Amino acid sequence: MSSIIGPMTPGSTHVPEDVSEQIENLFIHVEAILTAAGGTWADVIKMNFFVASLDLRAAINSPWVERFPDVGHRPARHSQLTSMAGVGKVQCDVTAYILAG
């Protein structure tokens, strides 16, 4: 289970203005966390997205389907409307179950 993951460009504190880049950055960060823990996307059981507008749910769909192509085996996903300061329009957290190997 992670803490809040921000939309910063990997390796920096820069938040791109383009929301599609922000969303892709979230998925890049989640993948790095999963890899560091010895897991994969198959280990994700839930992702929460905190969005400045519920319209952003549609923008999340493409990278979501890319990581979870099988409709019958996607993890739970929730989008919560929240106010955000600055350029950032989306954040997430992730819960994964990774067996010790």
N, C-alpha and C. Protein backbone atom coordinates (compact mmCIF):
# COMPACT_ATOMS: atom_id res chain seq x y z
N MET A 1 0.85 -1.16 0.00
CA MET A 1 0.00 0.00 0.00
C MET A 1 0.90 1.24 0.00
N SER A 2 0.65 2.10 -0.96
CA SER A 2 1.50 3.29 -1.07
C SER A 2 0.88 4.49 -0.37
N SER A 3 1.65 5.51 -0.30
CA SER A 3 1.16 6.82 0.08
C SER A 3 0.72 7.51 -1.21
N ILE A 4 0.38 8.77 -1.13
CA ILE A 4 -0.02 9.52 -2.33
C ILE A 4 1.16 9.61 -3.29
N ILE A 5 0.87 9.37 -4.56
CA ILE A 5 1.87 9.44 -5.63
C ILE A 5 1.52 10.64 -6.49
N GLY A 6 2.48 11.55 -6.63
CA GLY A 6 2.24 12.78 -7.39
C GLY A 6 2.60 12.65 -8.85
N PRO A 7 2.18 13.63 -9.66
CA PRO A 7 2.36 13.56 -11.10
C PRO A 7 3.67 14.15 -11.63
N MET A 8 4.68 14.23 -10.77
CA MET A 8 5.96 14.82 -11.18
C MET A 8 6.64 13.98 -12.25
N THR A 9 7.38 14.66 -13.09
CA THR A 9 8.22 13.99 -14.07
C THR A 9 9.24 13.14 -13.30
N PRO A 10 9.38 11.85 -13.64
CA PRO A 10 10.33 10.99 -12.91
C PRO A 10 11.72 11.62 -12.81
N GLY A 11 12.28 11.57 -11.60
CA GLY A 11 13.62 12.10 -11.37
C GLY A 11 13.66 13.59 -11.14
N SER A 12 12.49 14.23 -11.03
CA SER A 12 12.48 15.68 -10.81
C SER A 12 11.28 16.07 -9.95
N THR A 13 11.16 17.34 -9.70
CA THR A 13 10.00 17.87 -8.98
C THR A 13 9.08 18.64 -9.93
N HIS A 14 9.38 18.56 -11.22
CA HIS A 14 8.59 19.27 -12.23
C HIS A 14 7.26 18.56 -12.49
N VAL A 15 6.18 19.33 -12.46
CA VAL A 15 4.87 18.80 -12.81
C VAL A 15 4.49 19.38 -14.18
N PRO A 16 4.35 18.52 -15.18
CA PRO A 16 3.99 19.04 -16.50
C PRO A 16 2.58 19.64 -16.49
N GLU A 17 2.35 20.60 -17.35
CA GLU A 17 1.02 21.21 -17.42
C GLU A 17 0.02 20.28 -18.10
N ASP A 18 0.48 19.45 -19.04
CA ASP A 18 -0.39 18.54 -19.78
C ASP A 18 -0.85 17.41 -18.85
N VAL A 19 -2.17 17.29 -18.69
CA VAL A 19 -2.70 16.29 -17.76
C VAL A 19 -2.44 14.86 -18.23
N SER A 20 -2.36 14.63 -19.53
CA SER A 20 -2.02 13.29 -20.01
C SER A 20 -0.62 12.88 -19.57
N GLU A 21 0.31 13.82 -19.59
CA GLU A 21 1.67 13.55 -19.10
C GLU A 21 1.64 13.30 -17.60
N GLN A 22 0.83 14.06 -16.87
CA GLN A 22 0.72 13.84 -15.43
C GLN A 22 0.23 12.43 -15.13
N ILE A 23 -0.78 12.00 -15.87
CA ILE A 23 -1.34 10.66 -15.66
C ILE A 23 -0.30 9.59 -16.01
N GLU A 24 0.39 9.75 -17.12
CA GLU A 24 1.43 8.79 -17.50
C GLU A 24 2.52 8.74 -16.44
N ASN A 25 2.88 9.89 -15.87
CA ASN A 25 3.88 9.92 -14.80
C ASN A 25 3.43 9.09 -13.60
N LEU A 26 2.14 9.16 -13.26
CA LEU A 26 1.64 8.35 -12.15
C LEU A 26 1.90 6.87 -12.41
N PHE A 27 1.58 6.42 -13.61
CA PHE A 27 1.76 5.01 -13.95
C PHE A 27 3.25 4.63 -13.96
N ILE A 28 4.11 5.54 -14.39
CA ILE A 28 5.55 5.28 -14.36
C ILE A 28 6.02 5.12 -12.91
N HIS A 29 5.54 6.00 -12.02
CA HIS A 29 5.93 5.91 -10.61
C HIS A 29 5.41 4.62 -9.97
N VAL A 30 4.16 4.26 -10.27
CA VAL A 30 3.60 3.02 -9.71
C VAL A 30 4.41 1.81 -10.18
N GLU A 31 4.75 1.79 -11.46
CA GLU A 31 5.55 0.67 -11.96
C GLU A 31 6.90 0.58 -11.26
N ALA A 32 7.52 1.71 -10.99
CA ALA A 32 8.81 1.72 -10.28
C ALA A 32 8.64 1.18 -8.86
N ILE A 33 7.55 1.54 -8.21
CA ILE A 33 7.28 1.05 -6.85
C ILE A 33 7.06 -0.46 -6.88
N LEU A 34 6.25 -0.91 -7.82
CA LEU A 34 5.99 -2.35 -7.95
C LEU A 34 7.28 -3.13 -8.20
N THR A 35 8.09 -2.64 -9.12
CA THR A 35 9.35 -3.30 -9.46
C THR A 35 10.28 -3.36 -8.26
N ALA A 36 10.38 -2.24 -7.53
CA ALA A 36 11.26 -2.19 -6.34
C ALA A 36 10.81 -3.19 -5.27
N ALA A 37 9.50 -3.46 -5.23
CA ALA A 37 8.96 -4.39 -4.24
C ALA A 37 8.94 -5.83 -4.75
N GLY A 38 9.42 -6.04 -5.98
CA GLY A 38 9.42 -7.38 -6.56
C GLY A 38 8.09 -7.77 -7.16
N GLY A 39 7.27 -6.78 -7.49
CA GLY A 39 5.95 -7.07 -8.03
C GLY A 39 5.80 -6.63 -9.48
N THR A 40 4.60 -6.85 -10.00
CA THR A 40 4.24 -6.44 -11.35
C THR A 40 2.83 -5.85 -11.31
N TRP A 41 2.37 -5.42 -12.48
CA TRP A 41 1.00 -4.90 -12.56
C TRP A 41 -0.02 -5.96 -12.16
N ALA A 42 0.30 -7.23 -12.34
CA ALA A 42 -0.62 -8.31 -11.98
C ALA A 42 -0.87 -8.38 -10.47
N ASP A 43 -0.01 -7.75 -9.67
CA ASP A 43 -0.14 -7.77 -8.21
C ASP A 43 -1.02 -6.64 -7.68
N VAL A 44 -1.39 -5.70 -8.53
CA VAL A 44 -2.21 -4.56 -8.09
C VAL A 44 -3.63 -5.04 -7.83
N ILE A 45 -4.16 -4.68 -6.64
CA ILE A 45 -5.54 -5.04 -6.33
C ILE A 45 -6.47 -3.82 -6.31
N LYS A 46 -5.90 -2.62 -6.17
CA LYS A 46 -6.73 -1.42 -6.20
C LYS A 46 -5.88 -0.19 -6.44
N MET A 47 -6.42 0.74 -7.22
CA MET A 47 -5.81 2.06 -7.37
C MET A 47 -6.88 3.11 -7.13
N ASN A 48 -6.52 4.12 -6.37
CA ASN A 48 -7.38 5.28 -6.14
C ASN A 48 -6.77 6.46 -6.87
N PHE A 49 -7.60 7.19 -7.58
CA PHE A 49 -7.16 8.39 -8.27
C PHE A 49 -7.87 9.59 -7.64
N PHE A 50 -7.08 10.59 -7.31
CA PHE A 50 -7.60 11.83 -6.75
C PHE A 50 -7.49 12.87 -7.85
N VAL A 51 -8.63 13.35 -8.32
CA VAL A 51 -8.68 14.17 -9.52
C VAL A 51 -9.30 15.54 -9.24
N ALA A 52 -8.82 16.55 -9.96
CA ALA A 52 -9.36 17.90 -9.84
C ALA A 52 -10.69 18.03 -10.57
N SER A 53 -10.96 17.10 -11.49
CA SER A 53 -12.22 17.08 -12.25
C SER A 53 -12.55 15.63 -12.58
N LEU A 54 -13.81 15.26 -12.42
CA LEU A 54 -14.19 13.89 -12.74
C LEU A 54 -14.07 13.61 -14.24
N ASP A 55 -13.97 14.65 -15.05
CA ASP A 55 -13.74 14.47 -16.49
C ASP A 55 -12.40 13.77 -16.76
N LEU A 56 -11.48 13.81 -15.81
CA LEU A 56 -10.17 13.19 -15.99
C LEU A 56 -10.23 11.67 -15.98
N ARG A 57 -11.35 11.12 -15.51
CA ARG A 57 -11.48 9.65 -15.52
C ARG A 57 -11.30 9.09 -16.93
N ALA A 58 -11.80 9.79 -17.92
CA ALA A 58 -11.67 9.33 -19.31
C ALA A 58 -10.20 9.31 -19.74
N ALA A 59 -9.42 10.29 -19.30
CA ALA A 59 -8.00 10.34 -19.65
C ALA A 59 -7.21 9.23 -18.97
N ILE A 60 -7.69 8.72 -17.86
CA ILE A 60 -7.02 7.63 -17.14
C ILE A 60 -7.25 6.30 -17.85
N ASN A 61 -8.34 6.19 -18.62
CA ASN A 61 -8.71 4.91 -19.24
C ASN A 61 -7.63 4.32 -20.14
N SER A 62 -7.00 5.12 -20.98
CA SER A 62 -6.03 4.57 -21.93
C SER A 62 -4.84 3.91 -21.23
N PRO A 63 -4.14 4.61 -20.32
CA PRO A 63 -3.04 3.92 -19.65
C PRO A 63 -3.51 2.78 -18.74
N TRP A 64 -4.74 2.89 -18.25
CA TRP A 64 -5.31 1.82 -17.41
C TRP A 64 -5.48 0.54 -18.23
N VAL A 65 -6.10 0.67 -19.38
CA VAL A 65 -6.33 -0.49 -20.24
C VAL A 65 -5.01 -1.05 -20.76
N GLU A 66 -4.04 -0.18 -20.99
CA GLU A 66 -2.71 -0.63 -21.43
C GLU A 66 -2.08 -1.55 -20.39
N ARG A 67 -2.22 -1.19 -19.11
CA ARG A 67 -1.61 -2.00 -18.04
C ARG A 67 -2.50 -3.18 -17.66
N PHE A 68 -3.81 -3.02 -17.83
CA PHE A 68 -4.76 -4.06 -17.43
C PHE A 68 -5.70 -4.37 -18.60
N PRO A 69 -5.20 -5.06 -19.63
CA PRO A 69 -6.01 -5.28 -20.83
C PRO A 69 -7.18 -6.26 -20.66
N ASP A 70 -7.09 -7.16 -19.70
CA ASP A 70 -8.12 -8.18 -19.52
C ASP A 70 -9.25 -7.63 -18.63
N VAL A 71 -10.40 -7.35 -19.25
CA VAL A 71 -11.53 -6.75 -18.54
C VAL A 71 -11.94 -7.57 -17.31
N GLY A 72 -11.83 -8.88 -17.41
CA GLY A 72 -12.24 -9.75 -16.31
C GLY A 72 -11.27 -9.83 -15.15
N HIS A 73 -10.07 -9.26 -15.32
CA HIS A 73 -9.06 -9.37 -14.28
C HIS A 73 -8.41 -8.02 -13.95
N ARG A 74 -9.18 -6.96 -14.02
CA ARG A 74 -8.66 -5.64 -13.65
C ARG A 74 -8.84 -5.43 -12.16
N PRO A 75 -7.92 -4.69 -11.55
CA PRO A 75 -8.09 -4.38 -10.13
C PRO A 75 -9.21 -3.36 -9.94
N ALA A 76 -9.60 -3.17 -8.70
CA ALA A 76 -10.58 -2.13 -8.38
C ALA A 76 -9.96 -0.76 -8.65
N ARG A 77 -10.83 0.17 -9.02
CA ARG A 77 -10.37 1.52 -9.32
C ARG A 77 -11.43 2.50 -8.83
N HIS A 78 -10.96 3.55 -8.18
CA HIS A 78 -11.87 4.57 -7.66
C HIS A 78 -11.30 5.94 -7.99
N SER A 79 -12.16 6.85 -8.40
CA SER A 79 -11.76 8.24 -8.64
C SER A 79 -12.49 9.13 -7.65
N GLN A 80 -11.73 9.97 -6.98
CA GLN A 80 -12.31 10.86 -5.97
C GLN A 80 -12.02 12.30 -6.35
N LEU A 81 -13.04 13.10 -6.39
CA LEU A 81 -12.91 14.52 -6.69
C LEU A 81 -12.29 15.23 -5.49
N THR A 82 -11.24 16.00 -5.76
CA THR A 82 -10.58 16.74 -4.68
C THR A 82 -10.00 18.03 -5.24
N SER A 83 -9.87 19.03 -4.40
CA SER A 83 -9.27 20.28 -4.87
C SER A 83 -7.75 20.16 -4.77
N MET A 84 -7.07 20.73 -5.76
CA MET A 84 -5.61 20.67 -5.81
C MET A 84 -5.07 22.05 -6.13
N ALA A 85 -3.98 22.38 -5.47
CA ALA A 85 -3.31 23.66 -5.74
C ALA A 85 -2.24 23.45 -6.80
N GLY A 86 -1.95 24.48 -7.56
CA GLY A 86 -0.88 24.39 -8.55
C GLY A 86 -1.32 23.72 -9.83
N VAL A 87 -0.35 23.25 -10.60
CA VAL A 87 -0.62 22.66 -11.91
C VAL A 87 -1.09 21.21 -11.83
N GLY A 88 -0.75 20.54 -10.76
CA GLY A 88 -1.13 19.13 -10.62
C GLY A 88 -2.63 18.96 -10.61
N LYS A 89 -3.13 18.05 -11.44
CA LYS A 89 -4.57 17.80 -11.54
C LYS A 89 -4.97 16.39 -11.15
N VAL A 90 -3.96 15.54 -10.88
CA VAL A 90 -4.26 14.14 -10.57
C VAL A 90 -3.15 13.55 -9.69
N GLN A 91 -3.55 12.71 -8.75
CA GLN A 91 -2.64 11.95 -7.89
C GLN A 91 -3.24 10.56 -7.75
N CYS A 92 -2.48 9.65 -7.19
CA CYS A 92 -3.04 8.32 -6.96
C CYS A 92 -2.38 7.67 -5.76
N ASP A 93 -2.96 6.57 -5.35
CA ASP A 93 -2.28 5.63 -4.47
C ASP A 93 -2.58 4.24 -4.99
N VAL A 94 -1.80 3.27 -4.54
CA VAL A 94 -1.94 1.92 -5.07
C VAL A 94 -1.83 0.91 -3.94
N THR A 95 -2.62 -0.14 -4.05
CA THR A 95 -2.54 -1.26 -3.13
C THR A 95 -2.22 -2.50 -3.98
N ALA A 96 -1.18 -3.21 -3.57
CA ALA A 96 -0.78 -4.42 -4.28
C ALA A 96 -0.51 -5.52 -3.25
N TYR A 97 -0.72 -6.74 -3.68
CA TYR A 97 -0.45 -7.91 -2.85
C TYR A 97 0.67 -8.70 -3.53
N ILE A 98 1.85 -8.64 -2.91
CA ILE A 98 3.03 -9.28 -3.50
C ILE A 98 3.49 -10.38 -2.56
N LEU A 99 3.51 -11.60 -3.05
CA LEU A 99 3.95 -12.73 -2.24
C LEU A 99 5.47 -12.68 -2.06
N ALA A 100 5.92 -12.96 -0.86
CA ALA A 100 7.35 -13.03 -0.60
C ALA A 100 7.92 -14.22 -1.37
N GLY A 101 9.02 -13.98 -2.05
CA GLY A 101 9.54 -15.06 -2.85
C GLY A 101 10.86 -15.49 -2.41
